[in-house]
Amino acid sequence: MNVPARKTAALNSIRRTISRARLLRTRLAIEGLYQSPGQQPHRLPNPDKRDTTVFIFFEAAAAFEAFCYDVYILAIRKEFQVGPKVAKLLGGNIDGGKVMGWAAPPILARRAQKVFGKQHFLSKLQKDLPANTHDWLVAAHRMRNRIAHPASDSGGKEYRKIFTLLTVPPAMRGAGPARLLSDYPTANGATDKSFHRFLTAYEEFANHVSSHL
């Protein structure tokens, strides 16, 4: 598959994932109805709604990380006119073979600078992304890591940096991912919590890629 076709496929896939995640959150965590055999529909209890939100977000976060890696490889293919195998070798070797952290903008930008220089669109994410998108992407990556590695000390330290962005009051700064994704910022409506802010940031990054790659 050539670069333009692969770019279109990758963009379509991540946009479908984001749309599906929003729909599932509405159906399962906001409306939250279930029905046991022979009984009337009941609303899911709040703990179940929050856990469902975590599951949906984590699937979207994994898809977004894969998308970021695809973008990086496609950018190498376009820049150096090489095939996928050579692009993967080139990208991995320049970064010492590291394979994690693709969804973290500072890491992605640092890797891009080594390959493309400082003026490439992937090298200037903090400067060029829409307002606040960079911060939300960083927070989303920290959230994803906390869900994936709940016992990690480093993950916990990074995770706690999210509290300020989400305006979490000091008394609630021990809250886990389920509550942060579902309930904060508290002043926002049910469809504008951090879960939705993270998805919007994913979408805005995809739009940025679409216009530059």
Protein backbone atom coordinates (compact mmCIF):
# COMPACT_ATOMS: atom_id res chain seq x y z
CA MET A 1 0.00 0.00 0.00
CA ASN A 2 1.45 3.40 -0.98
CA VAL A 3 1.86 6.26 1.49
CA PRO A 4 -1.28 8.28 0.57
CA ALA A 5 -3.46 5.15 0.68
CA ARG A 6 -1.95 4.01 3.98
CA LYS A 7 -2.39 7.49 5.43
CA THR A 8 -6.08 7.49 4.48
CA ALA A 9 -6.59 4.03 5.95
CA ALA A 10 -4.88 4.99 9.21
CA LEU A 11 -6.89 8.21 9.54
CA ASN A 12 -10.16 6.44 8.80
CA SER A 13 -9.38 3.76 11.37
CA ILE A 14 -8.54 6.12 14.24
CA ARG A 15 -11.55 8.31 13.48
CA ARG A 16 -13.83 5.27 13.56
CA THR A 17 -12.31 4.24 16.87
CA ILE A 18 -12.88 7.70 18.38
CA SER A 19 -16.48 7.81 17.11
CA ARG A 20 -17.17 4.33 18.47
CA ALA A 21 -15.67 5.19 21.85
CA ARG A 22 -17.90 8.24 22.18
CA LEU A 23 -20.95 6.21 21.25
CA LEU A 24 -20.12 3.41 23.69
CA ARG A 25 -19.52 5.90 26.49
CA THR A 26 -22.97 7.41 25.86
CA ARG A 27 -24.75 4.08 25.65
CA LEU A 28 -23.00 2.24 28.45
CA ALA A 29 -21.72 4.83 30.90
CA ILE A 30 -24.09 7.78 30.54
CA GLU A 31 -27.39 6.06 29.67
CA GLY A 32 -26.12 2.89 31.32
CA LEU A 33 -29.13 0.60 31.00
CA TYR A 34 -29.05 -3.16 31.33
CA GLN A 35 -31.77 -5.79 31.53
CA SER A 36 -31.70 -9.16 33.22
CA PRO A 37 -33.96 -11.91 31.85
CA GLY A 38 -37.56 -11.39 32.94
CA GLN A 39 -36.86 -8.04 34.61
CA GLN A 40 -37.32 -4.38 33.80
CA PRO A 41 -34.28 -2.39 32.59
CA HIS A 42 -32.06 -1.02 35.32
CA ARG A 43 -29.38 1.64 35.29
CA LEU A 44 -25.82 0.53 35.87
CA PRO A 45 -24.47 1.62 39.26
CA ASN A 46 -21.90 4.41 39.12
CA PRO A 47 -18.90 2.15 39.85
CA ASP A 48 -19.82 -0.01 36.85
CA LYS A 49 -20.25 3.07 34.65
CA ARG A 50 -16.82 4.33 35.66
CA ASP A 51 -15.17 0.95 35.04
CA THR A 52 -16.83 0.76 31.64
CA THR A 53 -15.43 4.19 30.82
CA VAL A 54 -11.92 2.95 31.66
CA PHE A 55 -12.28 -0.05 29.35
CA ILE A 56 -13.50 2.11 26.47
CA PHE A 57 -10.77 4.69 26.96
CA PHE A 58 -7.99 2.11 27.16
CA GLU A 59 -9.04 0.56 23.85
CA ALA A 60 -9.05 4.01 22.22
CA ALA A 61 -5.67 4.88 23.77
CA ALA A 62 -4.12 1.68 22.41
CA ALA A 63 -5.47 2.43 18.96
CA PHE A 64 -4.14 5.98 19.14
CA GLU A 65 -0.66 4.80 20.09
CA ALA A 66 -0.65 2.45 17.10
CA PHE A 67 -1.83 5.35 14.91
CA CYS A 68 1.05 7.57 16.10
CA TYR A 69 3.55 4.87 15.23
CA ASP A 70 1.97 4.47 11.79
CA VAL A 71 2.26 8.22 11.25
CA TYR A 72 5.94 8.19 12.21
CA ILE A 73 6.71 5.35 9.79
CA LEU A 74 4.67 6.96 7.00
CA ALA A 75 6.53 10.23 7.52
CA ILE A 76 9.85 8.38 7.13
CA ARG A 77 8.62 6.65 3.98
CA LYS A 78 7.51 9.95 2.50
CA GLU A 79 10.66 11.86 3.50
CA PHE A 80 13.21 9.28 2.34
CA GLN A 81 11.22 7.45 -0.35
CA VAL A 82 11.72 4.03 1.23
CA GLY A 83 9.46 1.05 1.80
CA PRO A 84 7.84 0.00 5.09
CA LYS A 85 10.58 -2.44 6.15
CA VAL A 86 13.39 0.06 5.63
CA ALA A 87 11.34 2.80 7.31
CA LYS A 88 10.84 0.67 10.43
CA LEU A 89 14.53 -0.17 10.59
CA LEU A 90 15.51 3.46 10.10
CA GLY A 91 13.09 4.77 12.71
CA GLY A 92 13.98 2.15 15.28
CA ASN A 93 17.73 2.36 14.82
CA ILE A 94 17.84 6.14 15.09
CA ASP A 95 15.97 5.94 18.39
CA GLY A 96 18.03 3.10 19.80
CA GLY A 97 15.37 0.50 19.04
CA LYS A 98 12.81 1.90 21.48
CA VAL A 99 9.23 0.89 20.77
CA MET A 100 7.12 2.51 23.50
CA GLY A 101 5.72 5.96 24.15
CA TRP A 102 4.54 6.78 20.65
CA ALA A 103 1.41 8.54 21.94
CA ALA A 104 3.39 10.93 24.16
CA PRO A 105 3.96 14.12 22.11
CA PRO A 106 7.35 14.98 23.68
CA ILE A 107 8.69 11.50 22.89
CA LEU A 108 7.26 11.48 19.37
CA ALA A 109 8.66 14.97 18.70
CA ARG A 110 12.09 14.03 20.07
CA ARG A 111 12.24 10.98 17.83
CA ALA A 112 11.09 13.03 14.84
CA GLN A 113 13.79 15.64 15.44
CA LYS A 114 16.47 12.94 15.23
CA VAL A 115 15.13 11.74 11.89
CA PHE A 116 13.77 14.86 10.19
CA GLY A 117 15.29 17.82 12.00
CA LYS A 118 13.55 20.53 13.98
CA GLN A 119 11.29 21.91 11.25
CA HIS A 120 9.27 18.77 10.49
CA PHE A 121 5.63 18.89 11.58
CA LEU A 122 6.15 15.98 13.99
CA SER A 123 9.09 17.82 15.54
CA LYS A 124 7.00 20.90 16.38
CA LEU A 125 3.92 19.37 17.99
CA GLN A 126 3.93 21.54 21.09
CA LYS A 127 4.12 24.70 18.98
CA ASP A 128 1.77 23.76 16.16
CA LEU A 129 -1.05 21.70 17.68
CA PRO A 130 -4.31 23.53 18.55
CA ALA A 131 -4.44 25.26 21.92
CA ASN A 132 -4.22 22.87 24.90
CA THR A 133 -4.17 19.78 22.66
CA HIS A 134 -0.55 19.02 23.50
CA ASP A 135 -1.29 19.10 27.25
CA TRP A 136 -4.33 16.86 26.87
CA LEU A 137 -2.36 14.36 24.79
CA VAL A 138 0.37 14.24 27.43
CA ALA A 139 -2.27 13.71 30.13
CA ALA A 140 -4.00 11.01 28.08
CA HIS A 141 -0.73 9.12 27.75
CA ARG A 142 -0.16 9.35 31.50
CA MET A 143 -3.69 8.07 32.08
CA ARG A 144 -3.14 5.18 29.71
CA ASN A 145 0.09 4.24 31.50
CA ARG A 146 -1.58 4.38 34.91
CA ILE A 147 -4.32 2.02 33.74
CA ALA A 148 -1.81 -0.36 32.17
CA HIS A 149 0.69 -0.25 35.07
CA PRO A 150 -1.22 0.59 38.26
CA ALA A 151 1.58 -0.60 40.54
CA SER A 152 4.33 1.41 38.86
CA ASP A 153 5.88 4.13 41.04
CA SER A 154 6.98 6.18 38.03
CA GLY A 155 3.55 5.80 36.44
CA GLY A 156 1.93 7.00 39.66
CA LYS A 157 4.15 10.06 39.83
CA GLU A 158 3.34 11.00 36.25
CA TYR A 159 -0.33 10.22 36.77
CA ARG A 160 -0.59 12.66 39.67
CA LYS A 161 0.43 15.47 37.34
CA ILE A 162 -3.00 15.12 35.68
CA PHE A 163 -4.85 16.39 38.76
CA THR A 164 -4.04 20.04 38.11
CA LEU A 165 -5.17 19.89 34.48
CA LEU A 166 -8.48 18.34 35.56
CA THR A 167 -8.94 20.82 38.43
CA VAL A 168 -9.19 17.97 40.95
CA PRO A 169 -9.48 19.40 44.50
CA PRO A 170 -6.72 18.42 46.95
CA ALA A 171 -9.04 16.19 48.97
CA MET A 172 -9.72 14.03 45.89
CA ARG A 173 -6.17 13.71 44.59
CA GLY A 174 -6.03 10.04 45.40
CA ALA A 175 -8.76 9.31 42.85
CA GLY A 176 -8.13 6.55 40.35
CA PRO A 177 -8.49 6.60 36.55
CA ALA A 178 -12.13 5.50 36.59
CA ARG A 179 -13.23 8.53 38.59
CA LEU A 180 -10.99 10.99 36.76
CA LEU A 181 -12.17 9.85 33.35
CA SER A 182 -15.84 9.92 34.33
CA ASP A 183 -16.24 12.75 36.83
CA TYR A 184 -13.66 15.47 36.15
CA PRO A 185 -13.62 18.36 35.49
CA THR A 186 -16.69 18.47 37.74
CA ALA A 187 -17.99 21.73 36.25
CA ASN A 188 -18.34 20.12 32.81
CA GLY A 189 -21.37 18.26 31.52
CA ALA A 190 -21.57 14.48 31.21
CA THR A 191 -20.25 14.58 27.64
CA ASP A 192 -17.31 16.88 28.43
CA LYS A 193 -15.32 15.02 31.05
CA SER A 194 -11.65 14.11 30.68
CA PHE A 195 -12.66 11.00 28.73
CA HIS A 196 -14.13 13.25 26.03
CA ARG A 197 -11.30 15.80 26.23
CA PHE A 198 -8.79 13.02 25.58
CA LEU A 199 -10.74 11.79 22.57
CA THR A 200 -10.99 15.33 21.23
CA ALA A 201 -7.22 15.68 21.56
CA TYR A 202 -6.78 12.43 19.63
CA GLU A 203 -9.08 13.77 16.94
CA GLU A 204 -7.26 17.09 16.71
CA PHE A 205 -3.93 15.29 16.37
CA ALA A 206 -5.40 13.19 13.55
CA ASN A 207 -6.60 16.38 11.82
CA HIS A 208 -3.12 17.87 12.21
CA VAL A 209 -1.59 14.78 10.62
CA SER A 210 -4.13 14.85 7.82
CA SER A 211 -3.17 18.38 6.82
CA HIS A 212 0.63 17.93 7.09
CA LEU A 213 1.56 14.38 6.10
